[in-house]
Each structure stands twice: as structure tokens, then as C-alpha cells.
Amino acid sequence: MTVRVALIVGSLRKGSYSRAIGMELKALAEPGLEIEPVEIGDLPLYDPDLETDNPPPAWERFREEVATTEAVLFVTPEYNRSIPGALKNALDVGSRPYGHSVWQGKPAAIVSVSPGAVAAFGANHHLRQPLVFLNMPTMQQPEAYIGNVADLLDENGKLKKDDTKTFLKSFTDAFAAWIDKTKA
């Protein structure tokens, strides 16, 4: 059985390390875990006044894409010891209109990525806070903090180190098991 997973990347930067790691996770996942990126860069800032019978088309596209998935994998950098504004906006857009959240009950996992040694610890844990409210059972172990990421990727955004590939493979395997467990 195939499980559709939304890949939400917190970085909008061309050449994003987070996107590169997300695509490596997609490549390492078992065939039954279908990980597909859902773009957030075109989402207008959430404004309740725009929540009409005709909300912004980007909101509708985003909500529909996430709604058709069974789980969510977040890969994010850290901005100022928290998550990027674009990622928080995506959470807000997906949680509305009230009572129609596309996040409701979807199993989630978080990978935080940083060119520094701290590995976006703050972003990882800040992201967990809204996921609790959104009722997204979030995988606790293994935790995934990818520090010094620039040293792990080649010029094409591919992993250079086998031990990192092994770890990310074990992470995707654990996420597949987490999805199974939370769906039961």
C-alpha cells in the first residue's frame, strides 16, 4: 500500500539545503512512501479577510494538495532561533477556515537543517509547538538535526557521506513505521 506524504520545505532559497535534504529523503524512502513536495513560496500571508467564497488560488491549491496526503514531512532551516515565516504562514493557511484544517490527524516528522553546528535545534522544537495544536502526531525518535549541511552535499545537492545516507534512510524507515502506528 502506498502512503502519500507531503514534503513541506521551510526554505524558499534557490539552492536550499533544506530542499536538497528533502529530495534525498524522498530518494531514500521505501517504495510505499510516496514523498512529494508541496510548494509554499507563493502563498499570500494569511489574512482572515481573504477567507471568502473565493480565497486566493494559491491557498486553494495548497490546501487541496495537503488534503490529499496522509502524512507530512517537514524539512526546515532555522531563522532567528525559530521557523521561517513562510513555514508558519503555510501552517496558518492550512489550518483554516476554522474547522477545516488540512493538517488534522496527519502523522508528521521534522528534519531541521543548518550550515552551522547547532543544526536548527530551535526551529525543530518551535515547529513541534503548533503541530501539537494542529493535532498532528509528530514522530519523537529518531530526532533529525542535520548540522554542517553544506559539507554533506555535493555541488548538485546530493549527499556525499554514506553515514548520513544511512541515518536518513533509517529516519524514513522510522517515519513509515510511525505512520503505520498512528493510522492503526
C-alpha atoms as a PDB file:
ATOM      1  CA  MET A   1       0.000   0.000   0.000  1.00  0.00           C
ATOM      2  CA  THR A   2       1.296   3.462  -0.903  1.00  0.00           C
ATOM      3  CA  VAL A   3       1.209   6.305   1.609  1.00  0.00           C
ATOM      4  CA  ARG A   4       1.223   9.805   0.129  1.00  0.00           C
ATOM      5  CA  VAL A   5       3.411  12.200   2.119  1.00  0.00           C
ATOM      6  CA  ALA A   6       3.531  15.980   1.668  1.00  0.00           C
ATOM      7  CA  LEU A   7       7.075  17.331   1.806  1.00  0.00           C
ATOM      8  CA  ILE A   8       6.944  20.866   3.193  1.00  0.00           C
ATOM      9  CA  VAL A   9      10.270  22.695   2.871  1.00  0.00           C
ATOM     10  CA  GLY A  10      10.655  25.775   5.066  1.00  0.00           C
ATOM     11  CA  SER A  11      13.322  27.441   2.940  1.00  0.00           C
ATOM     12  CA  LEU A  12      12.404  29.384  -0.192  1.00  0.00           C
ATOM     13  CA  ARG A  13      16.012  29.958  -1.254  1.00  0.00           C
ATOM     14  CA  LYS A  14      17.166  28.758  -4.657  1.00  0.00           C
ATOM     15  CA  GLY A  15      19.742  26.082  -3.849  1.00  0.00           C
ATOM     16  CA  SER A  16      18.155  25.479  -0.448  1.00  0.00           C
ATOM     17  CA  TYR A  17      19.922  22.922   1.747  1.00  0.00           C
ATOM     18  CA  SER A  18      16.540  22.011   3.225  1.00  0.00           C
ATOM     19  CA  ARG A  19      15.123  21.223  -0.227  1.00  0.00           C
ATOM     20  CA  ALA A  20      18.221  19.172  -1.097  1.00  0.00           C
ATOM     21  CA  ILE A  21      17.854  17.114   2.097  1.00  0.00           C
ATOM     22  CA  GLY A  22      14.112  16.741   1.449  1.00  0.00           C
ATOM     23  CA  MET A  23      14.780  15.377  -2.026  1.00  0.00           C
ATOM     24  CA  GLU A  24      17.403  12.996  -0.610  1.00  0.00           C
ATOM     25  CA  LEU A  25      14.807  11.747   1.911  1.00  0.00           C
ATOM     26  CA  LYS A  26      12.382  11.214  -0.971  1.00  0.00           C
ATOM     27  CA  ALA A  27      15.010   9.199  -2.868  1.00  0.00           C
ATOM     28  CA  LEU A  28      15.883   7.090   0.200  1.00  0.00           C
ATOM     29  CA  ALA A  29      12.282   6.277   1.171  1.00  0.00           C
ATOM     30  CA  GLU A  30      10.855   2.811   0.644  1.00  0.00           C
ATOM     31  CA  PRO A  31       8.613   2.499  -2.446  1.00  0.00           C
ATOM     32  CA  GLY A  32       5.484   2.509  -0.265  1.00  0.00           C
ATOM     33  CA  LEU A  33       6.293   6.028   0.990  1.00  0.00           C
ATOM     34  CA  GLU A  34       5.476   8.456  -1.823  1.00  0.00           C
ATOM     35  CA  ILE A  35       7.016  11.791  -0.769  1.00  0.00           C
ATOM     36  CA  GLU A  36       6.008  14.758  -2.924  1.00  0.00           C
ATOM     37  CA  PRO A  37       6.928  18.434  -2.427  1.00  0.00           C
ATOM     38  CA  VAL A  38       4.093  20.866  -1.762  1.00  0.00           C
ATOM     39  CA  GLU A  39       5.228  24.411  -2.506  1.00  0.00           C
ATOM     40  CA  ILE A  40       4.685  27.232  -0.005  1.00  0.00           C
ATOM     41  CA  GLY A  41       6.525  30.161  -1.608  1.00  0.00           C
ATOM     42  CA  ASP A  42       3.519  31.543  -3.476  1.00  0.00           C
ATOM     43  CA  LEU A  43       1.120  31.593  -0.518  1.00  0.00           C
ATOM     44  CA  PRO A  44      -0.160  35.082   0.322  1.00  0.00           C
ATOM     45  CA  LEU A  45       0.155  35.878   4.027  1.00  0.00           C
ATOM     46  CA  TYR A  46      -2.809  34.519   5.928  1.00  0.00           C
ATOM     47  CA  ASP A  47      -5.414  37.237   6.372  1.00  0.00           C
ATOM     48  CA  PRO A  48      -8.886  36.249   7.645  1.00  0.00           C
ATOM     49  CA  ASP A  49     -10.402  38.979   5.451  1.00  0.00           C
ATOM     50  CA  LEU A  50      -9.342  36.953   2.388  1.00  0.00           C
ATOM     51  CA  GLU A  51     -11.178  33.869   3.701  1.00  0.00           C
ATOM     52  CA  THR A  52     -14.235  34.346   1.485  1.00  0.00           C
ATOM     53  CA  ASP A  53     -16.074  32.160  -1.008  1.00  0.00           C
ATOM     54  CA  ASN A  54     -13.120  32.888  -3.310  1.00  0.00           C
ATOM     55  CA  PRO A  55      -9.907  32.672  -1.270  1.00  0.00           C
ATOM     56  CA  PRO A  56      -6.571  33.215  -3.038  1.00  0.00           C
ATOM     57  CA  PRO A  57      -5.973  30.480  -5.640  1.00  0.00           C
ATOM     58  CA  ALA A  58      -2.599  29.611  -4.086  1.00  0.00           C
ATOM     59  CA  TRP A  59      -4.358  28.882  -0.772  1.00  0.00           C
ATOM     60  CA  GLU A  60      -6.844  26.596  -2.528  1.00  0.00           C
ATOM     61  CA  ARG A  61      -4.053  24.762  -4.405  1.00  0.00           C
ATOM     62  CA  PHE A  62      -2.021  24.309  -1.231  1.00  0.00           C
ATOM     63  CA  ARG A  63      -4.974  23.101   0.860  1.00  0.00           C
ATOM     64  CA  GLU A  64      -6.031  20.623  -1.826  1.00  0.00           C
ATOM     65  CA  GLU A  65      -2.509  19.218  -2.235  1.00  0.00           C
ATOM     66  CA  VAL A  66      -2.036  18.718   1.511  1.00  0.00           C
ATOM     67  CA  ALA A  67      -5.574  17.385   1.997  1.00  0.00           C
ATOM     68  CA  THR A  68      -4.907  14.562  -0.486  1.00  0.00           C
ATOM     69  CA  THR A  69      -1.927  13.298   1.519  1.00  0.00           C
ATOM     70  CA  GLU A  70      -1.855  11.005   4.526  1.00  0.00           C
ATOM     71  CA  ALA A  71       1.218  12.373   6.330  1.00  0.00           C
ATOM     72  CA  VAL A  72       3.583  15.349   6.323  1.00  0.00           C
ATOM     73  CA  LEU A  73       7.375  15.558   6.364  1.00  0.00           C
ATOM     74  CA  PHE A  74       8.744  18.979   7.307  1.00  0.00           C
ATOM     75  CA  VAL A  75      12.330  19.931   6.417  1.00  0.00           C
ATOM     76  CA  THR A  76      13.282  23.347   7.694  1.00  0.00           C
ATOM     77  CA  PRO A  77      16.157  25.695   8.355  1.00  0.00           C
ATOM     78  CA  GLU A  78      16.273  27.915  11.414  1.00  0.00           C
ATOM     79  CA  TYR A  79      15.729  31.667  11.191  1.00  0.00           C
ATOM     80  CA  ASN A  80      16.387  33.620  14.389  1.00  0.00           C
ATOM     81  CA  ARG A  81      16.053  30.503  16.588  1.00  0.00           C
ATOM     82  CA  SER A  82      12.650  29.629  15.125  1.00  0.00           C
ATOM     83  CA  ILE A  83      10.937  28.522  11.924  1.00  0.00           C
ATOM     84  CA  PRO A  84      10.889  30.659   8.782  1.00  0.00           C
ATOM     85  CA  GLY A  85       7.887  32.947   8.354  1.00  0.00           C
ATOM     86  CA  ALA A  86       6.874  31.189   5.122  1.00  0.00           C
ATOM     87  CA  LEU A  87       6.543  27.893   7.004  1.00  0.00           C
ATOM     88  CA  LYS A  88       4.459  29.449   9.786  1.00  0.00           C
ATOM     89  CA  ASN A  89       2.255  31.056   7.134  1.00  0.00           C
ATOM     90  CA  ALA A  90       1.752  27.652   5.459  1.00  0.00           C
ATOM     91  CA  LEU A  91       0.659  26.180   8.796  1.00  0.00           C
ATOM     92  CA  ASP A  92      -1.831  29.028   9.232  1.00  0.00           C
ATOM     93  CA  VAL A  93      -3.198  28.794   5.677  1.00  0.00           C
ATOM     94  CA  GLY A  94      -3.663  25.029   6.008  1.00  0.00           C
ATOM     95  CA  SER A  95      -5.413  25.332   9.361  1.00  0.00           C
ATOM     96  CA  ARG A  96      -8.218  27.498   8.005  1.00  0.00           C
ATOM     97  CA  PRO A  97     -11.066  28.033   7.517  1.00  0.00           C
ATOM     98  CA  TYR A  98     -11.727  27.133  11.136  1.00  0.00           C
ATOM     99  CA  GLY A  99     -12.902  23.538  11.451  1.00  0.00           C
ATOM    100  CA  HIS A 100     -11.477  22.531   8.061  1.00  0.00           C
ATOM    101  CA  SER A 101      -7.778  22.099   8.790  1.00  0.00           C
ATOM    102  CA  VAL A 102      -5.892  20.029   6.223  1.00  0.00           C
ATOM    103  CA  TRP A 103      -3.429  19.070   8.980  1.00  0.00           C
ATOM    104  CA  GLN A 104      -5.955  17.347  11.268  1.00  0.00           C
ATOM    105  CA  GLY A 105      -4.637  13.991  12.478  1.00  0.00           C
ATOM    106  CA  LYS A 106      -1.882  13.639   9.872  1.00  0.00           C
ATOM    107  CA  PRO A 107       1.275  11.950  11.199  1.00  0.00           C
ATOM    108  CA  ALA A 108       4.294  14.244  10.908  1.00  0.00           C
ATOM    109  CA  ALA A 109       8.076  14.198  11.136  1.00  0.00           C
ATOM    110  CA  ILE A 110      10.604  17.031  11.275  1.00  0.00           C
ATOM    111  CA  VAL A 111      14.130  17.325   9.928  1.00  0.00           C
ATOM    112  CA  SER A 112      15.962  20.549  10.724  1.00  0.00           C
ATOM    113  CA  VAL A 113      18.922  21.649   8.631  1.00  0.00           C
ATOM    114  CA  SER A 114      21.663  24.201   9.209  1.00  0.00           C
ATOM    115  CA  PRO A 115      25.037  25.122   7.788  1.00  0.00           C
ATOM    116  CA  GLY A 116      26.083  25.659  11.428  1.00  0.00           C
ATOM    117  CA  ALA A 117      26.834  23.121  14.128  1.00  0.00           C
ATOM    118  CA  VAL A 118      23.644  23.684  16.193  1.00  0.00           C
ATOM    119  CA  ALA A 119      21.631  22.033  13.395  1.00  0.00           C
ATOM    120  CA  ALA A 120      18.493  24.184  13.738  1.00  0.00           C
ATOM    121  CA  PHE A 121      17.555  22.735  17.118  1.00  0.00           C
ATOM    122  CA  GLY A 122      15.383  25.785  17.881  1.00  0.00           C
ATOM    123  CA  ALA A 123      13.393  25.531  14.654  1.00  0.00           C
ATOM    124  CA  ASN A 124      12.826  21.815  15.170  1.00  0.00           C
ATOM    125  CA  HIS A 125      11.363  22.352  18.622  1.00  0.00           C
ATOM    126  CA  HIS A 126       9.415  25.501  17.752  1.00  0.00           C
ATOM    127  CA  LEU A 127       7.739  23.653  14.891  1.00  0.00           C
ATOM    128  CA  ARG A 128       6.578  20.964  17.298  1.00  0.00           C
ATOM    129  CA  GLN A 129       4.510  23.540  19.245  1.00  0.00           C
ATOM    130  CA  PRO A 130       1.979  24.412  16.513  1.00  0.00           C
ATOM    131  CA  LEU A 131       1.868  20.769  15.369  1.00  0.00           C
ATOM    132  CA  VAL A 132       0.506  19.827  18.805  1.00  0.00           C
ATOM    133  CA  PHE A 133      -2.309  22.354  18.399  1.00  0.00           C
ATOM    134  CA  LEU A 134      -2.945  21.184  14.827  1.00  0.00           C
ATOM    135  CA  ASN A 135      -3.384  17.627  16.144  1.00  0.00           C
ATOM    136  CA  MET A 136      -0.520  16.189  14.117  1.00  0.00           C
ATOM    137  CA  PRO A 137       1.051  13.247  15.930  1.00  0.00           C
ATOM    138  CA  THR A 138       4.734  14.044  15.456  1.00  0.00           C
ATOM    139  CA  MET A 139       7.424  11.376  15.482  1.00  0.00           C
ATOM    140  CA  GLN A 140       9.653  11.777  18.537  1.00  0.00           C
ATOM    141  CA  GLN A 141      12.519   9.418  17.658  1.00  0.00           C
ATOM    142  CA  PRO A 142      14.779   9.412  15.850  1.00  0.00           C
ATOM    143  CA  GLU A 143      15.288  13.154  16.014  1.00  0.00           C
ATOM    144  CA  ALA A 144      16.908  14.632  12.914  1.00  0.00           C
ATOM    145  CA  TYR A 145      19.175  17.638  13.276  1.00  0.00           C
ATOM    146  CA  ILE A 146      21.429  17.987  10.244  1.00  0.00           C
ATOM    147  CA  GLY A 147      24.288  20.363  11.089  1.00  0.00           C
ATOM    148  CA  ASN A 148      27.130  21.479   8.834  1.00  0.00           C
ATOM    149  CA  VAL A 149      24.878  20.553   5.924  1.00  0.00           C
ATOM    150  CA  ALA A 150      26.960  22.395   3.313  1.00  0.00           C
ATOM    151  CA  ASP A 151      29.775  19.908   3.959  1.00  0.00           C
ATOM    152  CA  LEU A 152      27.424  16.950   3.436  1.00  0.00           C
ATOM    153  CA  LEU A 153      26.169  17.904  -0.048  1.00  0.00           C
ATOM    154  CA  ASP A 154      27.982  17.986  -3.365  1.00  0.00           C
ATOM    155  CA  GLU A 155      27.569  20.744  -5.975  1.00  0.00           C
ATOM    156  CA  ASN A 156      24.407  19.004  -7.264  1.00  0.00           C
ATOM    157  CA  GLY A 157      22.752  18.854  -3.839  1.00  0.00           C
ATOM    158  CA  LYS A 158      23.403  15.126  -3.410  1.00  0.00           C
ATOM    159  CA  LEU A 159      24.671  13.578  -0.208  1.00  0.00           C
ATOM    160  CA  LYS A 160      28.383  12.811  -0.196  1.00  0.00           C
ATOM    161  CA  LYS A 161      28.599  10.842   3.034  1.00  0.00           C
ATOM    162  CA  ASP A 162      27.356   7.276   3.367  1.00  0.00           C
ATOM    163  CA  ASP A 163      26.817   7.582   7.128  1.00  0.00           C
ATOM    164  CA  THR A 164      24.402  10.500   6.520  1.00  0.00           C
ATOM    165  CA  LYS A 165      22.573   8.473   3.870  1.00  0.00           C
ATOM    166  CA  THR A 166      22.326   5.577   6.319  1.00  0.00           C
ATOM    167  CA  PHE A 167      20.934   7.855   9.019  1.00  0.00           C
ATOM    168  CA  LEU A 168      18.379   9.491   6.694  1.00  0.00           C
ATOM    169  CA  LYS A 169      17.337   6.064   5.401  1.00  0.00           C
ATOM    170  CA  SER A 170      16.743   4.908   8.985  1.00  0.00           C
ATOM    171  CA  PHE A 171      14.778   8.134   9.553  1.00  0.00           C
ATOM    172  CA  THR A 172      12.463   7.493   6.572  1.00  0.00           C
ATOM    173  CA  ASP A 173      12.008   3.881   7.685  1.00  0.00           C
ATOM    174  CA  ALA A 174      11.097   5.048  11.196  1.00  0.00           C
ATOM    175  CA  PHE A 175       8.679   7.601   9.713  1.00  0.00           C
ATOM    176  CA  ALA A 176       6.964   4.879   7.657  1.00  0.00           C
ATOM    177  CA  ALA A 177       6.583   2.809  10.832  1.00  0.00           C
ATOM    178  CA  TRP A 178       5.285   5.887  12.692  1.00  0.00           C
ATOM    179  CA  ILE A 179       2.655   6.491  10.002  1.00  0.00           C
ATOM    180  CA  ASP A 180       1.557   2.853  10.264  1.00  0.00           C
ATOM    181  CA  LYS A 181       1.397   3.043  14.046  1.00  0.00           C
ATOM    182  CA  THR A 182      -0.613   6.280  14.158  1.00  0.00           C
ATOM    183  CA  LYS A 183      -3.060   5.142  11.475  1.00  0.00           C
ATOM    184  CA  ALA A 184      -3.918   1.954  13.365  1.00  0.00           C
END
